[in-house]
Amino acid sequence: MATLKYELEQWNEGVIAFDEGDYDGALEIFEPIADSAKIHFNIGVVLATLGEFDQASAAYEQATKLDKYLAIAYFQNGVANVALEDYAKALTCFHDAFLYLRGNMVIDYTQLGLDFKLYSCQVLFNRALCYIELGEMDLAMNDLWRATREKQTKAHDILDQALRDKGQDCTVFTVPHGVLYRPPESKVKNSKKKDYLGNSKVVAALDGGDSTGFQGRSAWQVQLSGPTNVAAIEEPRPMTPPN
């Protein structure tokens, strides 16, 4: 059985391989130590980058089995299924992501090593696009309207235009290219024997940014496209981490 020190070191090596564009190598490193929601999420990110959306979806599902509160994994699973044009499954994923926001308008994953903040308006917007694809325009417009009411950053101003355009020719929000769970640098250096791969707990964000990704039904370019980063300022509501 691998020691925690070994797993931490391998986690770091997998991240380095990913950053260097060695995606197959990253998978070879991550898969043997995949006993946490974070590592399964990372595997999903790598597979999505490779265009293997079915397998990416399975990895995100495994992440949520290990940590049912991991809203970001439901969210990215939804994105993967949009890429597959399985809008019914994507809808379910975005619904679950919204559920596990647990009434909060933003969740900050930064302290956990994932440089991303998930906003309720992003989830509602993505869910609305799925409703549109499924022909449920009333439900879609309701989610678009709700999304505009839950804007948190200047980047979210695009939601007003999306509402006016009834969601036509819109993009979905996604985690940007290069963002995956990274081990704390200090812990990598010290390699202390502690479970740094445990299930996620989150706190509300104080500031952050967004990313947008896919375009219509075109050949999906998930993390490979390098979505645009934008500065953001928000005033989130506090939240209590899951027990």
Protein backbone atom coordinates (compact mmCIF):
# COMPACT_ATOMS: atom_id res chain seq x y z
CA MET A 1 0.00 0.00 0.00
CA ALA A 2 1.37 3.38 -1.01
CA THR A 3 2.28 5.76 1.79
CA LEU A 4 0.67 9.19 2.06
CA LYS A 5 4.07 10.70 1.35
CA TYR A 6 4.31 8.71 -1.88
CA GLU A 7 0.76 9.67 -2.91
CA LEU A 8 1.48 13.33 -2.29
CA GLU A 9 4.64 13.16 -4.36
CA GLN A 10 2.84 11.33 -7.17
CA TRP A 11 0.00 13.85 -7.07
CA ASN A 12 2.56 16.58 -7.62
CA GLU A 13 4.28 14.63 -10.41
CA GLY A 14 0.93 14.16 -12.15
CA VAL A 15 0.28 17.89 -12.03
CA ILE A 16 3.73 18.60 -13.44
CA ALA A 17 3.14 16.15 -16.30
CA PHE A 18 -0.19 17.81 -17.05
CA ASP A 19 1.36 21.29 -17.07
CA GLU A 20 4.01 20.04 -19.50
CA GLY A 21 1.34 18.72 -21.86
CA ASP A 22 2.09 15.08 -21.12
CA TYR A 23 -1.54 14.13 -20.61
CA ASP A 24 -1.06 10.39 -21.04
CA GLY A 25 1.77 10.55 -18.53
CA ALA A 26 -0.44 12.47 -16.10
CA LEU A 27 -3.07 9.73 -16.35
CA GLU A 28 -0.47 7.04 -15.72
CA ILE A 29 0.53 8.84 -12.54
CA PHE A 30 -2.94 9.78 -11.28
CA GLU A 31 -4.75 6.49 -11.87
CA PRO A 32 -2.76 4.32 -9.40
CA ILE A 33 -3.37 6.83 -6.58
CA ALA A 34 -7.02 7.52 -7.46
CA ASP A 35 -8.58 7.00 -4.05
CA SER A 36 -9.87 10.54 -3.47
CA ALA A 37 -12.42 12.86 -5.05
CA LYS A 38 -9.68 15.34 -5.94
CA ILE A 39 -7.62 12.86 -7.94
CA HIS A 40 -10.68 11.52 -9.77
CA PHE A 41 -11.59 15.09 -10.63
CA ASN A 42 -8.09 15.61 -12.00
CA ILE A 43 -8.42 12.45 -14.08
CA GLY A 44 -11.65 13.87 -15.48
CA VAL A 45 -9.89 17.10 -16.39
CA VAL A 46 -7.10 15.24 -18.19
CA LEU A 47 -9.52 13.00 -20.09
CA ALA A 48 -11.64 15.98 -21.12
CA THR A 49 -8.49 17.71 -22.35
CA LEU A 50 -7.84 14.63 -24.49
CA GLY A 51 -11.40 14.77 -25.84
CA GLU A 52 -12.39 11.56 -24.04
CA PHE A 53 -15.65 12.94 -22.71
CA ASP A 54 -17.32 9.62 -21.90
CA GLN A 55 -14.40 8.61 -19.71
CA ALA A 56 -14.16 12.12 -18.26
CA SER A 57 -17.81 11.90 -17.24
CA ALA A 58 -17.15 8.57 -15.53
CA ALA A 59 -14.22 10.10 -13.62
CA TYR A 60 -16.33 13.03 -12.43
CA GLU A 61 -19.05 10.60 -11.35
CA GLN A 62 -16.51 8.67 -9.31
CA ALA A 63 -15.41 11.94 -7.70
CA THR A 64 -18.98 12.66 -6.60
CA LYS A 65 -19.37 9.13 -5.25
CA LEU A 66 -16.41 9.82 -2.98
CA ASP A 67 -17.56 13.34 -2.10
CA LYS A 68 -21.24 13.98 -2.75
CA TYR A 69 -20.84 17.66 -1.85
CA LEU A 70 -18.30 18.31 -4.62
CA ALA A 71 -20.46 20.65 -6.69
CA ILE A 72 -17.62 21.44 -9.10
CA ALA A 73 -17.46 17.77 -10.15
CA TYR A 74 -21.17 17.71 -10.97
CA PHE A 75 -20.66 20.96 -12.86
CA GLN A 76 -17.79 19.64 -14.99
CA ASN A 77 -19.66 16.39 -15.55
CA GLY A 78 -22.43 18.51 -17.00
CA VAL A 79 -19.94 20.25 -19.27
CA ALA A 80 -18.59 16.89 -20.46
CA ASN A 81 -22.10 15.72 -21.30
CA VAL A 82 -22.85 18.94 -23.16
CA ALA A 83 -19.76 18.13 -25.22
CA LEU A 84 -21.33 14.73 -25.91
CA GLU A 85 -24.64 16.45 -26.73
CA ASP A 86 -26.31 14.37 -24.03
CA TYR A 87 -28.34 17.30 -22.78
CA ALA A 88 -30.65 15.25 -20.57
CA LYS A 89 -27.73 13.90 -18.57
CA ALA A 90 -26.02 17.30 -18.58
CA LEU A 91 -29.23 18.80 -17.19
CA THR A 92 -29.20 16.34 -14.30
CA CYS A 93 -25.56 17.15 -13.58
CA PHE A 94 -26.18 20.90 -13.49
CA HIS A 95 -29.22 20.34 -11.31
CA ASP A 96 -27.05 18.40 -8.85
CA ALA A 97 -24.35 21.08 -8.99
CA PHE A 98 -26.96 23.68 -8.06
CA LEU A 99 -28.32 21.44 -5.30
CA TYR A 100 -24.87 21.06 -3.72
CA LEU A 101 -24.25 24.77 -3.78
CA ARG A 102 -26.69 24.46 -0.87
CA GLY A 103 -28.24 27.89 -1.30
CA ASN A 104 -24.95 29.74 -1.68
CA MET A 105 -24.19 32.04 -4.58
CA VAL A 106 -20.51 31.10 -4.76
CA ILE A 107 -18.13 28.39 -3.61
CA ASP A 108 -14.40 29.03 -3.45
CA TYR A 109 -12.22 25.99 -4.11
CA THR A 110 -8.96 27.91 -4.01
CA GLN A 111 -7.96 26.87 -0.49
CA LEU A 112 -8.32 23.25 -1.59
CA GLY A 113 -5.87 23.63 -4.44
CA LEU A 114 -8.35 24.25 -7.28
CA ASP A 115 -8.02 27.78 -8.62
CA PHE A 116 -11.70 28.30 -9.38
CA LYS A 117 -14.83 29.79 -7.88
CA LEU A 118 -18.18 28.30 -8.85
CA TYR A 119 -21.12 30.70 -8.99
CA SER A 120 -24.79 29.82 -8.83
CA CYS A 121 -25.49 32.01 -11.87
CA GLN A 122 -23.03 29.92 -13.92
CA VAL A 123 -24.84 26.73 -12.99
CA LEU A 124 -28.26 28.22 -13.69
CA PHE A 125 -27.07 29.54 -17.05
CA ASN A 126 -25.65 26.18 -18.12
CA ARG A 127 -28.81 24.44 -17.00
CA ALA A 128 -30.86 26.92 -19.02
CA LEU A 129 -28.91 26.06 -22.17
CA CYS A 130 -29.71 22.38 -21.60
CA TYR A 131 -33.39 23.20 -21.24
CA ILE A 132 -33.23 25.08 -24.53
CA GLU A 133 -31.70 22.07 -26.29
CA LEU A 134 -34.44 19.88 -24.81
CA GLY A 135 -37.18 22.24 -26.01
CA GLU A 136 -38.18 23.41 -22.53
CA MET A 137 -38.17 27.14 -23.21
CA ASP A 138 -40.27 28.19 -20.22
CA LEU A 139 -37.89 26.45 -17.82
CA ALA A 140 -34.92 27.80 -19.74
CA MET A 141 -36.13 31.39 -19.54
CA ASN A 142 -36.82 31.00 -15.83
CA ASP A 143 -33.26 29.84 -15.20
CA LEU A 144 -31.85 32.63 -17.39
CA TRP A 145 -33.87 35.18 -15.45
CA ARG A 146 -32.69 33.73 -12.13
CA ALA A 147 -29.10 33.74 -13.37
CA THR A 148 -29.25 37.47 -14.08
CA ARG A 149 -30.53 38.05 -10.53
CA GLU A 150 -27.58 36.17 -9.04
CA LYS A 151 -24.76 37.88 -10.93
CA GLN A 152 -21.65 38.36 -8.79
CA THR A 153 -18.97 39.77 -11.11
CA LYS A 154 -18.64 42.10 -14.06
CA ALA A 155 -18.07 39.03 -16.22
CA HIS A 156 -21.62 37.97 -15.45
CA ASP A 157 -23.05 40.99 -17.25
CA ILE A 158 -23.15 38.79 -20.36
CA LEU A 159 -26.10 37.03 -18.74
CA ASP A 160 -28.29 40.07 -19.37
CA GLN A 161 -27.63 39.82 -23.09
CA ALA A 162 -28.19 36.07 -22.99
CA LEU A 163 -31.59 36.66 -21.43
CA ARG A 164 -32.49 39.17 -24.13
CA ASP A 165 -31.32 36.71 -26.80
CA LYS A 166 -33.18 33.84 -25.14
CA GLY A 167 -29.94 31.90 -24.82
CA GLN A 168 -29.32 31.65 -28.55
CA ASP A 169 -25.71 31.29 -29.75
CA CYS A 170 -24.42 31.34 -26.18
CA THR A 171 -21.46 29.60 -24.61
CA VAL A 172 -21.50 27.50 -21.46
CA PHE A 173 -19.39 28.25 -18.44
CA THR A 174 -16.60 25.80 -17.65
CA VAL A 175 -13.45 25.43 -15.60
CA PRO A 176 -10.63 26.89 -17.75
CA HIS A 177 -7.73 24.99 -19.25
CA GLY A 178 -4.92 24.19 -16.82
CA VAL A 179 -7.06 24.28 -13.69
CA LEU A 180 -6.97 21.10 -11.61
CA TYR A 181 -6.39 20.20 -7.98
CA ARG A 182 -2.80 20.94 -6.97
CA PRO A 183 -1.09 19.91 -3.74
CA PRO A 184 0.13 22.71 -1.45
CA GLU A 185 3.73 23.57 -2.28
CA SER A 186 4.71 23.59 1.38
CA LYS A 187 3.28 20.11 1.85
CA VAL A 188 5.11 18.81 -1.20
CA LYS A 189 8.36 20.12 0.22
CA ASN A 190 7.77 18.77 3.67
CA SER A 191 6.03 15.56 2.57
CA LYS A 192 4.44 15.22 5.98
CA LYS A 193 2.40 12.10 6.62
CA LYS A 194 -1.06 13.55 6.52
CA ASP A 195 -4.07 12.82 4.31
CA TYR A 196 -3.96 15.78 1.94
CA LEU A 197 -6.16 13.89 -0.55
CA GLY A 198 -9.23 13.76 1.63
CA ASN A 199 -12.76 14.78 0.65
CA SER A 200 -13.40 18.42 -0.05
CA LYS A 201 -14.88 21.03 2.22
CA VAL A 202 -15.43 24.56 0.95
CA VAL A 203 -15.93 28.12 2.09
CA ALA A 204 -17.46 31.15 0.44
CA ALA A 205 -15.29 33.16 -1.93
CA LEU A 206 -14.07 36.69 -1.36
CA ASP A 207 -12.93 37.41 -4.90
CA GLY A 208 -12.19 35.57 -8.11
CA GLY A 209 -12.88 35.10 -11.80
CA ASP A 210 -14.82 33.21 -14.38
CA SER A 211 -14.20 31.36 -17.56
CA THR A 212 -16.35 30.55 -20.53
CA GLY A 213 -15.81 27.75 -22.93
CA PHE A 214 -17.82 25.86 -25.49
CA GLN A 215 -19.43 27.40 -28.53
CA GLY A 216 -22.78 26.05 -29.71
CA ARG A 217 -22.69 22.47 -30.98
CA SER A 218 -19.32 22.84 -32.69
CA ALA A 219 -16.46 20.39 -32.28
CA TRP A 220 -15.99 20.71 -28.57
CA GLN A 221 -12.65 22.01 -27.45
CA VAL A 222 -12.94 21.47 -23.70
CA GLN A 223 -9.89 22.63 -21.73
CA LEU A 224 -7.77 22.64 -24.92
CA SER A 225 -9.39 25.88 -26.08
CA GLY A 226 -7.97 27.86 -23.18
CA PRO A 227 -11.11 29.80 -22.19
CA THR A 228 -10.82 33.49 -21.46
CA ASN A 229 -10.14 34.53 -17.89
CA VAL A 230 -11.77 37.68 -16.57
CA ALA A 231 -11.30 39.62 -13.38
CA ALA A 232 -14.12 39.56 -10.89
CA ILE A 233 -15.38 41.18 -7.72
CA GLU A 234 -18.13 39.66 -5.66
CA GLU A 235 -19.86 39.84 -2.31
CA PRO A 236 -20.74 36.21 -1.54
CA ARG A 237 -23.00 34.90 1.13
CA PRO A 238 -21.32 32.89 3.91
CA MET A 239 -21.74 29.16 3.96
CA THR A 240 -21.14 26.30 6.34
CA PRO A 241 -18.97 23.43 5.06
CA PRO A 242 -20.63 19.99 4.99
CA ASN A 243 -20.11 17.77 8.01
